[in-house]
Structure formats: C-alpha cells, structure tokens
Protein backbone atom coordinates (compact mmCIF):
# COMPACT_ATOMS: atom_id res chain seq x y z
CA MET A 1 36.22 9.39 14.59
CA SER A 2 33.25 11.78 13.15
CA THR A 3 33.99 11.04 9.84
CA ILE A 4 34.05 7.18 10.30
CA ASN A 5 30.58 7.12 12.02
CA ASP A 6 29.35 8.85 9.08
CA LEU A 7 30.46 6.76 6.32
CA LEU A 8 29.61 4.03 8.23
CA SER A 9 26.12 5.46 8.14
CA VAL A 10 26.14 6.22 4.79
CA ALA A 11 27.21 2.96 3.94
CA GLU A 12 24.67 1.02 5.95
CA GLN A 13 21.40 3.29 4.36
CA ILE A 14 22.92 2.95 0.70
CA GLY A 15 23.62 -0.66 1.32
CA GLY A 16 20.14 -1.41 2.98
CA ILE A 17 18.54 -0.37 -0.56
CA THR A 18 19.61 -4.29 -1.71
CA ASP A 19 17.43 -5.66 1.35
CA SER A 20 14.14 -3.93 0.42
CA ASN A 21 11.90 -5.18 -1.58
CA GLY A 22 10.95 -4.29 -5.31
CA HIS A 23 8.21 -2.07 -4.83
CA PHE A 24 10.21 -0.26 -2.33
CA THR A 25 13.19 -0.10 -4.83
CA GLU A 26 10.98 1.14 -8.01
CA GLY A 27 9.44 3.37 -5.43
CA LEU A 28 12.75 5.05 -5.03
CA ALA A 29 13.96 4.88 -8.15
CA ARG A 30 11.47 6.87 -9.08
CA ARG A 31 11.50 9.58 -6.72
CA ILE A 32 15.02 9.87 -7.72
CA ASP A 33 14.08 10.46 -11.30
CA GLU A 34 11.70 13.00 -10.65
CA THR A 35 14.87 14.94 -9.09
CA GLY A 36 15.83 15.33 -12.99
CA LYS A 37 19.05 14.40 -11.87
CA LYS A 38 20.90 11.16 -12.62
CA LEU A 39 21.84 9.56 -9.96
CA ALA A 40 25.58 9.38 -10.52
CA ASP A 41 25.58 13.59 -10.30
CA LEU A 42 23.34 13.19 -6.70
CA THR A 43 25.25 14.20 -4.26
CA LEU A 44 25.46 12.71 -0.49
CA SER A 45 23.26 15.23 0.92
CA GLU A 46 20.73 14.79 -1.31
CA LEU A 47 20.97 11.27 -1.62
CA ILE A 48 20.43 10.18 1.97
CA PRO A 49 17.44 12.68 2.28
CA LEU A 50 16.17 11.49 -0.33
CA ILE A 51 16.13 7.96 1.07
CA ASP A 52 15.34 9.19 4.19
CA GLN A 53 11.86 10.85 2.99
CA TYR A 54 10.68 7.72 0.81
CA ARG A 55 11.64 5.24 3.75
CA GLU A 56 9.21 7.27 5.53
CA PHE A 57 6.35 7.71 3.18
CA TYR A 58 6.77 4.40 2.27
CA ASN A 59 6.34 2.58 5.52
CA ARG A 60 3.65 4.94 7.01
CA SER A 61 1.49 3.94 3.43
CA LEU A 62 2.49 0.26 4.65
CA SER A 63 0.55 1.40 8.03
CA GLY A 64 -2.43 2.89 6.39
CA SER A 65 -1.40 6.53 7.43
CA MET A 66 -0.73 8.77 4.63
CA GLY A 67 0.39 11.93 6.14
CA ASN A 68 -2.57 14.14 7.76
CA GLU A 69 -5.22 11.99 5.02
CA PRO A 70 -7.28 9.39 7.85
CA LEU A 71 -8.07 5.81 6.59
CA VAL A 72 -11.46 5.99 8.67
CA ASN A 73 -14.16 8.37 8.63
CA ALA A 74 -14.19 9.65 12.57
CA ASN A 75 -17.97 9.02 11.98
CA SER A 76 -18.02 5.73 10.24
CA THR A 77 -16.31 2.38 10.62
CA LYS A 78 -15.79 2.40 7.24
CA SER A 79 -12.55 2.34 5.57
CA ILE A 80 -11.62 3.30 2.06
CA SER A 81 -12.95 1.42 -0.87
CA ILE A 82 -10.95 -1.33 -2.31
CA ASP A 83 -10.83 1.15 -6.04
CA ASP A 84 -9.43 4.09 -3.17
CA MET A 85 -7.35 1.49 -2.11
CA LEU A 86 -5.81 -0.78 -5.07
CA ALA A 87 -5.57 2.71 -6.79
CA ARG A 88 -3.22 4.35 -3.79
CA GLN A 89 -1.42 1.07 -4.15
CA ASP A 90 -0.49 1.63 -7.92
CA ARG A 91 0.49 5.30 -6.93
CA GLU A 92 2.42 4.33 -4.14
CA ARG A 93 4.34 1.42 -5.27
CA GLY A 94 4.24 1.84 -8.70
CA PHE A 95 2.06 -1.35 -10.07
CA GLU A 96 0.37 -0.81 -13.13
CA LEU A 97 -2.59 -3.52 -13.98
CA LEU A 98 -2.83 -4.13 -17.74
CA PRO A 99 -6.09 -4.83 -19.59
CA LEU A 100 -5.78 -7.73 -21.77
CA GLU A 101 -4.71 -7.89 -24.63
CA SER A 102 -6.88 -10.17 -26.35
CA GLU A 103 -5.71 -10.02 -30.32
CA LEU A 104 -2.16 -10.09 -29.65
CA LEU A 105 -3.10 -13.53 -26.69
CA LEU A 106 -4.59 -14.77 -29.29
CA LYS A 107 -2.59 -14.39 -32.27
CA ARG A 108 1.14 -15.51 -29.73
CA VAL A 109 -1.39 -18.72 -28.81
CA LYS A 110 -2.32 -19.39 -32.79
CA ASP A 111 1.59 -19.02 -32.85
CA GLY A 112 1.80 -21.94 -30.86
CA GLY A 113 5.36 -22.94 -28.81
CA HIS A 114 6.35 -22.91 -25.40
CA SER A 115 5.03 -19.34 -24.95
CA GLY A 116 1.63 -19.88 -27.07
CA GLN A 117 0.91 -22.69 -24.65
CA PHE A 118 2.22 -21.42 -21.59
CA LEU A 119 -0.38 -18.11 -22.27
CA ALA A 120 -3.13 -20.50 -24.00
CA ASP A 121 -3.20 -22.27 -19.97
CA ALA A 122 -2.39 -19.45 -18.19
CA PHE A 123 -5.60 -18.01 -19.88
CA ILE A 124 -7.98 -20.59 -18.88
CA SER A 125 -6.58 -21.28 -15.19
CA SER A 126 -6.82 -17.32 -14.51
CA TYR A 127 -10.34 -17.76 -16.20
CA ARG A 128 -11.75 -21.24 -14.84
CA THR A 129 -10.33 -20.88 -11.09
CA SER A 130 -10.92 -24.74 -10.77
CA THR A 131 -8.76 -25.58 -13.83
CA THR A 132 -5.08 -26.01 -12.10
CA PHE A 133 -2.07 -24.14 -13.71
CA ASP A 134 0.89 -27.61 -14.71
CA HIS A 135 3.11 -24.66 -15.33
CA SER A 136 5.95 -24.26 -13.50
CA LEU A 137 6.15 -19.73 -12.73
CA GLY A 138 10.89 -20.81 -13.48
CA GLU A 139 9.32 -21.01 -17.10
CA ILE A 140 8.80 -17.52 -17.35
CA MET A 141 12.40 -17.43 -18.31
CA LYS A 142 11.66 -18.64 -21.90
CA LEU A 143 9.09 -16.07 -22.51
CA ASP A 144 9.71 -13.22 -24.76
CA THR A 145 8.95 -9.65 -23.04
CA GLU A 146 6.14 -9.95 -25.10
CA ALA A 147 4.54 -12.96 -23.47
CA ILE A 148 5.77 -11.93 -20.24
CA ARG A 149 3.20 -8.75 -20.36
CA LEU A 150 0.22 -10.94 -21.91
CA PHE A 151 0.64 -13.37 -18.62
CA HIS A 152 0.99 -10.25 -16.52
CA GLU A 153 -2.05 -9.11 -18.10
CA VAL A 154 -3.92 -12.39 -17.90
CA LEU A 155 -3.08 -12.47 -13.89
CA HIS A 156 -5.28 -9.45 -13.41
CA LEU A 157 -8.40 -10.04 -15.55
CA ARG A 158 -10.91 -10.03 -13.16
CA PHE A 159 -9.39 -6.63 -11.88
CA ILE A 160 -9.49 -4.29 -14.66
CA LYS A 161 -12.38 -2.12 -14.74
CA GLY A 162 -15.41 -2.56 -16.75
CA TRP A 163 -14.50 -6.80 -17.74
CA SER A 164 -17.10 -9.34 -19.14
CA ASP A 165 -17.44 -12.58 -18.77
CA ASP A 166 -19.06 -12.70 -21.82
CA THR A 167 -15.56 -11.53 -23.64
CA TYR A 168 -13.26 -13.49 -21.50
CA TYR A 169 -15.43 -16.91 -21.99
CA ASP A 170 -15.71 -16.05 -25.92
CA ILE A 171 -11.96 -15.83 -25.64
CA GLU A 172 -11.53 -19.38 -23.84
CA GLN A 173 -13.52 -20.84 -26.17
CA GLU A 174 -11.43 -19.84 -28.93
CA ILE A 175 -7.85 -20.61 -27.16
CA LYS A 176 -9.91 -24.33 -26.48
CA ALA A 177 -10.75 -24.10 -30.68
CA ILE A 178 -7.14 -23.08 -31.22
CA VAL A 179 -4.99 -25.49 -28.70
CA ALA A 180 -7.72 -28.94 -30.20
CA GLY A 181 -6.50 -27.47 -33.94
CA GLY A 182 -9.73 -26.44 -34.80
CA VAL A 183 -8.52 -22.79 -35.38
CA GLN A 184 -4.85 -22.53 -37.98
C-alpha cells in the first residue's frame, strides 16, 4: 500500500508541473539544468526534492519573503525600490528585458510585409500610448523569431535603463516616413 501511495504522490507532483505557470516551469527547468544532469538521468529521489525546493522558493518569492531577507527596513515603512524589485523579478522568473535594436527594427519595417507593418504599428502604439494597436496578438504566430524578439523589445521600451525619449521620437518619425512611402 505504501508503494501505491508513493507512486500516486510522485505522479501528482510531476503532473502538477503542467498546471503551473510558465515562469515557474522555466525556473524549475533552469534549476534542473544547474544540477549538470539531463532530466532523464535524475532519479526520482533527486527530482522530487528539486521540485519541492523550487516550489517553496517560488511561492516564498511571490509572497515577498526571500528567506531571511526583509522587504521592509525596521526603521522605515519604505519597501524595496522598483529597480530592486524588477531585478529580483528578472532573477527569479527568468524574465530578461532586452534593449531595442532600433536599426534592425527600422530595417524590418522597411522590408515591409506583415511583420514590417506589425512591428511599425507596435512601436508607434508603444511609444504613443494614445495610439491603438489594431492587430490581434494572435498574429504573432505569423512572425519569425527575429520579429518576435523585436516585438518583445518594443513592448518594454520604457523599462530599459537609460531610455531616451528623443531617440524614440526619431525612430517614430523614421517609421512614419517609411510607412508613408517616404523612405525606401
């Protein structure tokens, strides 16, 4: 009977990964990779504690508690800065903000086609928040890997340290000229 219970418990823990969000799954995969072993080479007695430990780490980080690291200074009500929080999120969830490759973006817009128009509209909508993005996000399936990466970069324009409104304005003007047929 104990073996049946153990088997069901293991199946539940491993099966539960499919119900987890992508950030958790990606972080767990990184943690497994850090062991230096391929997943197929891990024994159950190695894998199950890894899953448990990462789930505890992940849930603790979501609740704001990182082990012994206090979020609030005892002498202040101020919590961590937004930069520290974003850096922590990047580390914990594997989310990397990429700076805009503006020359590549302009090249892709000049190349035209669906991805050129999609990226042009995405940039203008991201830069000019009063402009709507009249595309279905399902259209991302029509983009190649490079265009998807550029779209990701466009979505995070203002989160990149040192971003410049003047630079983004110049890019916007170039995109508008390209779309209007002014640059070939």
